[in-house]
Amino acid sequence: MQLQDKTLVITGASGGIGQALAAQLAAAGARLLLTGRDEEKLMQLVAELPGGAGQHLVLEANLQEQAGVEDLCSFCQELPSGIQGLVNNAGVCDFGLLQDMSNTEISATVLLNLAVPMILTSRLLPLLLQEKEGLLLNIGSVLGAIGHPGFDVYSASKAGLERFSESLQRELADSNVHVMHFNPRATHTSMNSPAVIAMNLAMGVKSDEPAAVADVIIRRIKANQFSRASMGWPEKLFVRVNALLPTIVDKSFNRKLELIKRYATAE
């Protein structure tokens, strides 16, 4: 898929993976509409991108509020160039034991990680279908394929997003819209709390830089590799084992459960 001169919307653009995707998509010649809650960060990001403010747009919007969703959808519908891609990247990750999470925290995680991408896709899909070629990219997580203690709600929301991507890809198989779902593993971003960082170090969990994640995604888009994919080794193996022989993964987590709970209650 050629990215030159395509207008792509990126949610959560001021985050680590969002910024890295913006940089590499802009370098590939795409025009970007960057949205997030911090307009100052978004404007700073635009200033650093090839083409700058003359090529890319910024929209401050809180997608956890209905008004923010409406603002983004209305803005996209009024763009003279239309949109040729939507990158559902905005998300939140709460780490802790389920019994310690409030109703508000649970609802907010499911809303932003799952409901918002579904709503935005529903509202903006007619615009993509009008184009010669369209892209829908959902940023998931390897924890959506492997249920991880301490990430119960996050894992569930990302698992739901992957099933959404899967069913939508099959629904749009006869259309001009490519549906891609990508699962990064642990990534060095501000989404990780100090407890998560410390736990990952104690468990020997490998982490990637956001630029490395973006690089894999962009290369797959350019190569027309839109199938669902996960990143990293041994995470790719764990995903397969968890799908076929989940009791093996159960035993692995059981051996680490005391350590996980220690960090989960230190938040």
C-alpha atoms as a PDB file:
ATOM      1  CA  MET A   1       0.000   0.000   0.000  1.00  0.00           C
ATOM      2  CA  GLN A   2       1.350   3.399  -0.972  1.00  0.00           C
ATOM      3  CA  LEU A   3       1.224   6.026   1.781  1.00  0.00           C
ATOM      4  CA  GLN A   4       2.231   9.054  -0.280  1.00  0.00           C
ATOM      5  CA  ASP A   5      -0.410  11.827  -0.092  1.00  0.00           C
ATOM      6  CA  LYS A   6      -2.876   9.695   1.886  1.00  0.00           C
ATOM      7  CA  THR A   7      -4.622  11.453   4.773  1.00  0.00           C
ATOM      8  CA  LEU A   8      -4.462   9.336   7.929  1.00  0.00           C
ATOM      9  CA  VAL A   9      -6.038   9.979  11.331  1.00  0.00           C
ATOM     10  CA  ILE A  10      -4.005   8.927  14.387  1.00  0.00           C
ATOM     11  CA  THR A  11      -5.667   8.845  17.810  1.00  0.00           C
ATOM     12  CA  GLY A  12      -3.463   9.046  20.876  1.00  0.00           C
ATOM     13  CA  ALA A  13      -0.860  10.711  18.690  1.00  0.00           C
ATOM     14  CA  SER A  14       1.051  12.317  21.564  1.00  0.00           C
ATOM     15  CA  GLY A  15       1.874   8.936  23.141  1.00  0.00           C
ATOM     16  CA  GLY A  16       5.040   6.956  22.496  1.00  0.00           C
ATOM     17  CA  ILE A  17       3.809   4.667  19.724  1.00  0.00           C
ATOM     18  CA  GLY A  18       1.591   7.435  18.337  1.00  0.00           C
ATOM     19  CA  GLN A  19       4.534   9.797  17.958  1.00  0.00           C
ATOM     20  CA  ALA A  20       6.696   7.105  16.371  1.00  0.00           C
ATOM     21  CA  LEU A  21       3.963   6.179  13.899  1.00  0.00           C
ATOM     22  CA  ALA A  22       3.430   9.833  13.043  1.00  0.00           C
ATOM     23  CA  ALA A  23       7.136  10.324  12.328  1.00  0.00           C
ATOM     24  CA  GLN A  24       7.412   7.310  10.040  1.00  0.00           C
ATOM     25  CA  LEU A  25       4.098   7.869   8.264  1.00  0.00           C
ATOM     26  CA  ALA A  26       5.019  11.507   7.603  1.00  0.00           C
ATOM     27  CA  ALA A  27       8.415  10.382   6.295  1.00  0.00           C
ATOM     28  CA  ALA A  28       6.559   8.078   3.898  1.00  0.00           C
ATOM     29  CA  GLY A  29       4.663  11.077   2.514  1.00  0.00           C
ATOM     30  CA  ALA A  30       1.347  10.747   4.353  1.00  0.00           C
ATOM     31  CA  ARG A  31      -0.717  13.728   5.489  1.00  0.00           C
ATOM     32  CA  LEU A  32      -1.711  13.348   9.132  1.00  0.00           C
ATOM     33  CA  LEU A  33      -4.536  14.442  11.387  1.00  0.00           C
ATOM     34  CA  LEU A  34      -3.139  14.044  14.892  1.00  0.00           C
ATOM     35  CA  THR A  35      -5.568  13.927  17.764  1.00  0.00           C
ATOM     36  CA  GLY A  36      -5.130  13.691  21.521  1.00  0.00           C
ATOM     37  CA  ARG A  37      -5.807  15.511  24.745  1.00  0.00           C
ATOM     38  CA  ASP A  38      -2.612  17.601  24.861  1.00  0.00           C
ATOM     39  CA  GLU A  39      -2.652  20.204  22.092  1.00  0.00           C
ATOM     40  CA  GLU A  40       0.758  21.579  23.072  1.00  0.00           C
ATOM     41  CA  LYS A  41       2.415  18.177  22.637  1.00  0.00           C
ATOM     42  CA  LEU A  42       0.623  17.641  19.347  1.00  0.00           C
ATOM     43  CA  MET A  43       1.751  21.006  17.989  1.00  0.00           C
ATOM     44  CA  GLN A  44       5.316  20.266  19.055  1.00  0.00           C
ATOM     45  CA  LEU A  45       5.109  16.913  17.270  1.00  0.00           C
ATOM     46  CA  VAL A  46       3.808  18.521  14.070  1.00  0.00           C
ATOM     47  CA  ALA A  47       6.672  21.013  14.107  1.00  0.00           C
ATOM     48  CA  GLU A  48       9.134  18.102  14.077  1.00  0.00           C
ATOM     49  CA  LEU A  49       7.466  16.181  11.231  1.00  0.00           C
ATOM     50  CA  PRO A  50       8.427  16.444   7.548  1.00  0.00           C
ATOM     51  CA  GLY A  51       6.056  18.999   6.045  1.00  0.00           C
ATOM     52  CA  GLY A  52       5.271  20.573   9.411  1.00  0.00           C
ATOM     53  CA  ALA A  53       2.065  22.498  10.005  1.00  0.00           C
ATOM     54  CA  GLY A  54       1.673  23.112   6.303  1.00  0.00           C
ATOM     55  CA  GLN A  55       0.969  19.440   5.702  1.00  0.00           C
ATOM     56  CA  HIS A  56      -0.364  18.046   8.974  1.00  0.00           C
ATOM     57  CA  LEU A  57      -3.310  18.967  11.189  1.00  0.00           C
ATOM     58  CA  VAL A  58      -3.964  18.834  14.924  1.00  0.00           C
ATOM     59  CA  LEU A  59      -7.240  18.381  16.762  1.00  0.00           C
ATOM     60  CA  GLU A  60      -7.410  18.423  20.544  1.00  0.00           C
ATOM     61  CA  ALA A  61     -10.105  15.959  21.571  1.00  0.00           C
ATOM     62  CA  ASN A  62     -10.842  13.854  24.638  1.00  0.00           C
ATOM     63  CA  LEU A  63     -12.216  10.655  23.125  1.00  0.00           C
ATOM     64  CA  GLN A  64     -13.458   9.464  26.502  1.00  0.00           C
ATOM     65  CA  GLU A  65     -16.155  12.104  26.157  1.00  0.00           C
ATOM     66  CA  GLN A  66     -18.929  12.047  23.559  1.00  0.00           C
ATOM     67  CA  ALA A  67     -18.140  15.625  22.568  1.00  0.00           C
ATOM     68  CA  GLY A  68     -14.583  14.647  21.684  1.00  0.00           C
ATOM     69  CA  VAL A  69     -15.761  11.796  19.461  1.00  0.00           C
ATOM     70  CA  GLU A  70     -18.260  14.076  17.724  1.00  0.00           C
ATOM     71  CA  ASP A  71     -15.622  16.767  17.180  1.00  0.00           C
ATOM     72  CA  LEU A  72     -13.238  14.303  15.540  1.00  0.00           C
ATOM     73  CA  CYS A  73     -15.891  12.753  13.313  1.00  0.00           C
ATOM     74  CA  SER A  74     -17.197  16.146  12.198  1.00  0.00           C
ATOM     75  CA  PHE A  75     -13.675  17.378  11.477  1.00  0.00           C
ATOM     76  CA  CYS A  76     -12.939  14.329   9.306  1.00  0.00           C
ATOM     77  CA  GLN A  77     -16.195  14.660   7.413  1.00  0.00           C
ATOM     78  CA  GLU A  78     -15.358  18.272   6.525  1.00  0.00           C
ATOM     79  CA  LEU A  79     -11.837  17.616   5.233  1.00  0.00           C
ATOM     80  CA  PRO A  80     -11.662  18.451   1.498  1.00  0.00           C
ATOM     81  CA  SER A  81      -9.188  15.609   0.935  1.00  0.00           C
ATOM     82  CA  GLY A  82     -11.319  13.106   2.828  1.00  0.00           C
ATOM     83  CA  ILE A  83      -9.510  10.475   4.877  1.00  0.00           C
ATOM     84  CA  GLN A  84      -7.852   7.333   3.595  1.00  0.00           C
ATOM     85  CA  GLY A  85      -6.874   5.802   6.922  1.00  0.00           C
ATOM     86  CA  LEU A  86      -7.753   5.570  10.614  1.00  0.00           C
ATOM     87  CA  VAL A  87      -5.203   4.475  13.212  1.00  0.00           C
ATOM     88  CA  ASN A  88      -6.905   3.528  16.483  1.00  0.00           C
ATOM     89  CA  ASN A  89      -3.942   3.975  18.803  1.00  0.00           C
ATOM     90  CA  ALA A  90      -5.348   5.783  21.861  1.00  0.00           C
ATOM     91  CA  GLY A  91      -5.442   3.598  24.942  1.00  0.00           C
ATOM     92  CA  VAL A  92      -4.953   3.306  28.674  1.00  0.00           C
ATOM     93  CA  CYS A  93      -3.360   0.576  30.780  1.00  0.00           C
ATOM     94  CA  ASP A  94      -4.226   0.101  34.457  1.00  0.00           C
ATOM     95  CA  PHE A  95      -2.025  -2.340  36.390  1.00  0.00           C
ATOM     96  CA  GLY A  96      -3.269  -3.846  39.636  1.00  0.00           C
ATOM     97  CA  LEU A  97      -5.393  -6.580  41.151  1.00  0.00           C
ATOM     98  CA  LEU A  98      -8.982  -6.632  39.955  1.00  0.00           C
ATOM     99  CA  GLN A  99     -10.457  -6.280  43.451  1.00  0.00           C
ATOM    100  CA  ASP A 100      -8.548  -3.013  43.862  1.00  0.00           C
ATOM    101  CA  MET A 101      -9.930  -1.416  40.697  1.00  0.00           C
ATOM    102  CA  SER A 102     -12.876   0.953  40.877  1.00  0.00           C
ATOM    103  CA  ASN A 103     -15.927   0.842  38.624  1.00  0.00           C
ATOM    104  CA  THR A 104     -14.710   4.087  37.053  1.00  0.00           C
ATOM    105  CA  GLU A 105     -11.277   2.678  36.225  1.00  0.00           C
ATOM    106  CA  ILE A 106     -12.755  -0.475  34.681  1.00  0.00           C
ATOM    107  CA  SER A 107     -15.277   1.454  32.600  1.00  0.00           C
ATOM    108  CA  ALA A 108     -12.700   4.018  31.428  1.00  0.00           C
ATOM    109  CA  THR A 109     -10.293   1.297  30.262  1.00  0.00           C
ATOM    110  CA  VAL A 110     -12.936  -0.606  28.308  1.00  0.00           C
ATOM    111  CA  LEU A 111     -14.301   2.629  26.841  1.00  0.00           C
ATOM    112  CA  LEU A 112     -11.028   3.975  25.455  1.00  0.00           C
ATOM    113  CA  ASN A 113      -9.413   0.662  24.474  1.00  0.00           C
ATOM    114  CA  LEU A 114     -12.427  -1.014  22.905  1.00  0.00           C
ATOM    115  CA  ALA A 115     -15.629   1.030  22.630  1.00  0.00           C
ATOM    116  CA  VAL A 116     -14.020   4.184  21.197  1.00  0.00           C
ATOM    117  CA  PRO A 117     -12.217   2.349  18.349  1.00  0.00           C
ATOM    118  CA  MET A 118     -15.458   0.559  17.490  1.00  0.00           C
ATOM    119  CA  ILE A 119     -17.459   3.809  17.520  1.00  0.00           C
ATOM    120  CA  LEU A 120     -14.886   5.771  15.504  1.00  0.00           C
ATOM    121  CA  THR A 121     -14.620   2.972  12.962  1.00  0.00           C
ATOM    122  CA  SER A 122     -18.391   2.821  12.617  1.00  0.00           C
ATOM    123  CA  ARG A 123     -18.643   6.569  12.091  1.00  0.00           C
ATOM    124  CA  LEU A 124     -15.644   6.980   9.762  1.00  0.00           C
ATOM    125  CA  LEU A 125     -15.881   3.748   7.772  1.00  0.00           C
ATOM    126  CA  PRO A 126     -18.261   5.312   5.192  1.00  0.00           C
ATOM    127  CA  LEU A 127     -15.524   7.868   4.417  1.00  0.00           C
ATOM    128  CA  LEU A 128     -12.936   5.119   3.919  1.00  0.00           C
ATOM    129  CA  LEU A 129     -15.272   3.139   1.677  1.00  0.00           C
ATOM    130  CA  GLN A 130     -15.565   6.152  -0.625  1.00  0.00           C
ATOM    131  CA  GLU A 131     -11.838   6.066  -1.317  1.00  0.00           C
ATOM    132  CA  LYS A 132      -9.950   4.032  -3.900  1.00  0.00           C
ATOM    133  CA  GLU A 133      -8.006   2.406  -1.047  1.00  0.00           C
ATOM    134  CA  GLY A 134      -8.428   2.714   2.697  1.00  0.00           C
ATOM    135  CA  LEU A 135      -6.614   1.538   5.826  1.00  0.00           C
ATOM    136  CA  LEU A 136      -7.949   0.713   9.269  1.00  0.00           C
ATOM    137  CA  LEU A 137      -5.151  -0.003  11.752  1.00  0.00           C
ATOM    138  CA  ASN A 138      -5.932  -1.096  15.301  1.00  0.00           C
ATOM    139  CA  ILE A 139      -3.079  -1.074  17.815  1.00  0.00           C
ATOM    140  CA  GLY A 140      -3.636  -3.926  20.247  1.00  0.00           C
ATOM    141  CA  SER A 141      -1.282  -5.637  22.670  1.00  0.00           C
ATOM    142  CA  VAL A 142       0.251  -9.056  23.084  1.00  0.00           C
ATOM    143  CA  LEU A 143      -1.605  -9.050  26.421  1.00  0.00           C
ATOM    144  CA  GLY A 144      -4.804  -9.217  24.385  1.00  0.00           C
ATOM    145  CA  ALA A 145      -3.682 -12.644  23.219  1.00  0.00           C
ATOM    146  CA  ILE A 146      -2.205 -13.763  26.561  1.00  0.00           C
ATOM    147  CA  GLY A 147      -4.200 -13.031  29.705  1.00  0.00           C
ATOM    148  CA  HIS A 148      -1.719 -11.603  32.222  1.00  0.00           C
ATOM    149  CA  PRO A 149      -2.358 -11.373  35.995  1.00  0.00           C
ATOM    150  CA  GLY A 150      -2.586  -7.752  37.070  1.00  0.00           C
ATOM    151  CA  PHE A 151      -3.789  -6.652  33.619  1.00  0.00           C
ATOM    152  CA  ASP A 152      -7.232  -8.269  33.706  1.00  0.00           C
ATOM    153  CA  VAL A 153      -9.266  -5.392  32.259  1.00  0.00           C
ATOM    154  CA  TYR A 154      -6.532  -4.241  29.874  1.00  0.00           C
ATOM    155  CA  SER A 155      -6.079  -7.781  28.521  1.00  0.00           C
ATOM    156  CA  ALA A 156      -9.838  -8.201  28.104  1.00  0.00           C
ATOM    157  CA  SER A 157     -10.235  -4.882  26.285  1.00  0.00           C
ATOM    158  CA  LYS A 158      -7.359  -5.615  23.899  1.00  0.00           C
ATOM    159  CA  ALA A 159      -8.643  -9.142  23.290  1.00  0.00           C
ATOM    160  CA  GLY A 160     -11.989  -7.633  22.359  1.00  0.00           C
ATOM    161  CA  LEU A 161     -10.272  -5.204  19.995  1.00  0.00           C
ATOM    162  CA  GLU A 162      -8.521  -8.075  18.225  1.00  0.00           C
ATOM    163  CA  ARG A 163     -11.780  -9.991  17.749  1.00  0.00           C
ATOM    164  CA  PHE A 164     -13.332  -6.768  16.453  1.00  0.00           C
ATOM    165  CA  SER A 165     -10.492  -6.410  13.939  1.00  0.00           C
ATOM    166  CA  GLU A 166     -10.831 -10.044  12.918  1.00  0.00           C
ATOM    167  CA  SER A 167     -14.565  -9.923  12.318  1.00  0.00           C
ATOM    168  CA  LEU A 168     -14.363  -6.549  10.547  1.00  0.00           C
ATOM    169  CA  GLN A 169     -11.593  -7.783   8.261  1.00  0.00           C
ATOM    170  CA  ARG A 170     -13.830 -10.660   7.208  1.00  0.00           C
ATOM    171  CA  GLU A 171     -16.806  -8.321   6.812  1.00  0.00           C
ATOM    172  CA  LEU A 172     -14.810  -5.985   4.553  1.00  0.00           C
ATOM    173  CA  ALA A 173     -12.981  -8.673   2.572  1.00  0.00           C
ATOM    174  CA  ASP A 174     -14.838  -7.655  -0.599  1.00  0.00           C
ATOM    175  CA  SER A 175     -14.167  -3.936  -0.109  1.00  0.00           C
ATOM    176  CA  ASN A 176     -11.316  -1.507  -0.729  1.00  0.00           C
ATOM    177  CA  VAL A 177     -10.515  -1.118   2.990  1.00  0.00           C
ATOM    178  CA  HIS A 178      -7.565  -3.018   4.474  1.00  0.00           C
ATOM    179  CA  VAL A 179      -8.008  -3.983   8.143  1.00  0.00           C
ATOM    180  CA  MET A 180      -4.821  -4.521  10.124  1.00  0.00           C
ATOM    181  CA  HIS A 181      -4.430  -5.461  13.791  1.00  0.00           C
ATOM    182  CA  PHE A 182      -0.981  -5.283  15.375  1.00  0.00           C
ATOM    183  CA  ASN A 183       0.010  -6.445  18.860  1.00  0.00           C
ATOM    184  CA  PRO A 184       3.162  -4.840  20.282  1.00  0.00           C
ATOM    185  CA  ARG A 185       4.772  -6.477  23.289  1.00  0.00           C
ATOM    186  CA  ALA A 186       6.080  -4.410  26.237  1.00  0.00           C
ATOM    187  CA  THR A 187       7.144  -1.032  24.883  1.00  0.00           C
ATOM    188  CA  HIS A 188       9.076   1.836  26.488  1.00  0.00           C
ATOM    189  CA  THR A 189       6.291   4.419  26.803  1.00  0.00           C
ATOM    190  CA  SER A 190       4.841   6.654  29.513  1.00  0.00           C
ATOM    191  CA  MET A 191       1.869   4.288  29.705  1.00  0.00           C
ATOM    192  CA  ASN A 192       3.975   2.014  31.912  1.00  0.00           C
ATOM    193  CA  SER A 193       3.847   2.864  35.610  1.00  0.00           C
ATOM    194  CA  PRO A 194       6.988   2.550  37.780  1.00  0.00           C
ATOM    195  CA  ALA A 195       5.559  -0.696  39.199  1.00  0.00           C
ATOM    196  CA  VAL A 196       5.122  -2.174  35.710  1.00  0.00           C
ATOM    197  CA  ILE A 197       8.658  -1.188  34.737  1.00  0.00           C
ATOM    198  CA  ALA A 198      10.075  -2.716  37.917  1.00  0.00           C
ATOM    199  CA  MET A 199       8.054  -5.916  37.474  1.00  0.00           C
ATOM    200  CA  ASN A 200       9.151  -6.313  33.861  1.00  0.00           C
ATOM    201  CA  LEU A 201      12.778  -5.926  34.902  1.00  0.00           C
ATOM    202  CA  ALA A 202      12.370  -8.483  37.688  1.00  0.00           C
ATOM    203  CA  MET A 203      10.710 -10.949  35.293  1.00  0.00           C
ATOM    204  CA  GLY A 204      13.222 -10.378  32.506  1.00  0.00           C
ATOM    205  CA  VAL A 205      10.525  -9.139  30.119  1.00  0.00           C
ATOM    206  CA  LYS A 206      11.948  -7.745  26.896  1.00  0.00           C
ATOM    207  CA  SER A 207      10.779  -4.292  25.803  1.00  0.00           C
ATOM    208  CA  ASP A 208      10.903  -2.427  22.493  1.00  0.00           C
ATOM    209  CA  GLU A 209      11.355   1.213  21.640  1.00  0.00           C
ATOM    210  CA  PRO A 210       8.288   2.860  20.024  1.00  0.00           C
ATOM    211  CA  ALA A 211      10.277   3.510  16.844  1.00  0.00           C
ATOM    212  CA  ALA A 212      10.948  -0.217  16.462  1.00  0.00           C
ATOM    213  CA  VAL A 213       7.224  -0.961  16.779  1.00  0.00           C
ATOM    214  CA  ALA A 214       6.356   1.718  14.218  1.00  0.00           C
ATOM    215  CA  ASP A 215       9.018   0.432  11.843  1.00  0.00           C
ATOM    216  CA  VAL A 216       7.534  -3.074  11.783  1.00  0.00           C
ATOM    217  CA  ILE A 217       4.026  -1.704  11.250  1.00  0.00           C
ATOM    218  CA  ILE A 218       5.039   0.608   8.383  1.00  0.00           C
ATOM    219  CA  ARG A 219       7.023  -2.137   6.647  1.00  0.00           C
ATOM    220  CA  ARG A 220       4.025  -4.454   6.840  1.00  0.00           C
ATOM    221  CA  ILE A 221       1.710  -1.791   5.392  1.00  0.00           C
ATOM    222  CA  LYS A 222       4.061  -1.080   2.497  1.00  0.00           C
ATOM    223  CA  ALA A 223       4.337  -4.825   1.811  1.00  0.00           C
ATOM    224  CA  ASN A 224       0.525  -5.283   1.883  1.00  0.00           C
ATOM    225  CA  GLN A 225       0.833  -7.575   4.911  1.00  0.00           C
ATOM    226  CA  PHE A 226      -2.426  -6.766   6.637  1.00  0.00           C
ATOM    227  CA  SER A 227      -2.893 -10.019   8.535  1.00  0.00           C
ATOM    228  CA  ARG A 228      -3.093  -9.921  12.329  1.00  0.00           C
ATOM    229  CA  ALA A 229       0.380 -10.033  13.856  1.00  0.00           C
ATOM    230  CA  SER A 230       2.241  -9.865  17.160  1.00  0.00           C
ATOM    231  CA  MET A 231       5.742  -8.562  17.840  1.00  0.00           C
ATOM    232  CA  GLY A 232       8.683 -10.078  19.670  1.00  0.00           C
ATOM    233  CA  TRP A 233      10.210 -13.358  20.722  1.00  0.00           C
ATOM    234  CA  PRO A 234       9.330 -15.352  22.848  1.00  0.00           C
ATOM    235  CA  GLU A 235       5.988 -13.503  22.918  1.00  0.00           C
ATOM    236  CA  LYS A 236       5.005 -14.832  19.473  1.00  0.00           C
ATOM    237  CA  LEU A 237       5.626 -18.364  20.718  1.00  0.00           C
ATOM    238  CA  PHE A 238       3.659 -17.724  23.916  1.00  0.00           C
ATOM    239  CA  VAL A 239       0.696 -16.502  21.861  1.00  0.00           C
ATOM    240  CA  ARG A 240       0.653 -19.762  19.914  1.00  0.00           C
ATOM    241  CA  VAL A 241       1.137 -21.927  22.991  1.00  0.00           C
ATOM    242  CA  ASN A 242      -1.564 -20.019  24.885  1.00  0.00           C
ATOM    243  CA  ALA A 243      -4.028 -20.658  22.046  1.00  0.00           C
ATOM    244  CA  LEU A 244      -3.250 -24.387  21.780  1.00  0.00           C
ATOM    245  CA  LEU A 245      -2.029 -25.437  25.239  1.00  0.00           C
ATOM    246  CA  PRO A 246      -3.042 -22.724  27.719  1.00  0.00           C
ATOM    247  CA  THR A 247      -2.258 -24.859  30.783  1.00  0.00           C
ATOM    248  CA  ILE A 248       1.445 -24.534  29.946  1.00  0.00           C
ATOM    249  CA  VAL A 249       1.165 -20.748  30.137  1.00  0.00           C
ATOM    250  CA  ASP A 250      -0.915 -21.122  33.327  1.00  0.00           C
ATOM    251  CA  LYS A 251       1.977 -22.943  34.983  1.00  0.00           C
ATOM    252  CA  SER A 252       4.448 -20.293  33.831  1.00  0.00           C
ATOM    253  CA  PHE A 253       2.392 -17.508  35.404  1.00  0.00           C
ATOM    254  CA  ASN A 254       1.747 -19.565  38.546  1.00  0.00           C
ATOM    255  CA  ARG A 255       5.484 -19.695  39.187  1.00  0.00           C
ATOM    256  CA  LYS A 256       5.646 -15.898  38.947  1.00  0.00           C
ATOM    257  CA  LEU A 257       2.339 -15.070  40.624  1.00  0.00           C
ATOM    258  CA  GLU A 258       3.788 -14.065  43.996  1.00  0.00           C
ATOM    259  CA  LEU A 259       6.154 -11.619  42.300  1.00  0.00           C
ATOM    260  CA  ILE A 260       3.404 -10.199  40.069  1.00  0.00           C
ATOM    261  CA  LYS A 261       1.078  -9.641  43.022  1.00  0.00           C
ATOM    262  CA  ARG A 262       3.857  -7.938  44.966  1.00  0.00           C
ATOM    263  CA  TYR A 263       4.230  -5.286  42.267  1.00  0.00           C
ATOM    264  CA  ALA A 264       0.492  -5.109  41.542  1.00  0.00           C
ATOM    265  CA  THR A 265      -0.236  -4.123  45.122  1.00  0.00           C
ATOM    266  CA  ALA A 266       2.621  -1.604  45.190  1.00  0.00           C
ATOM    267  CA  GLU A 267       0.822   0.769  42.777  1.00  0.00           C
END
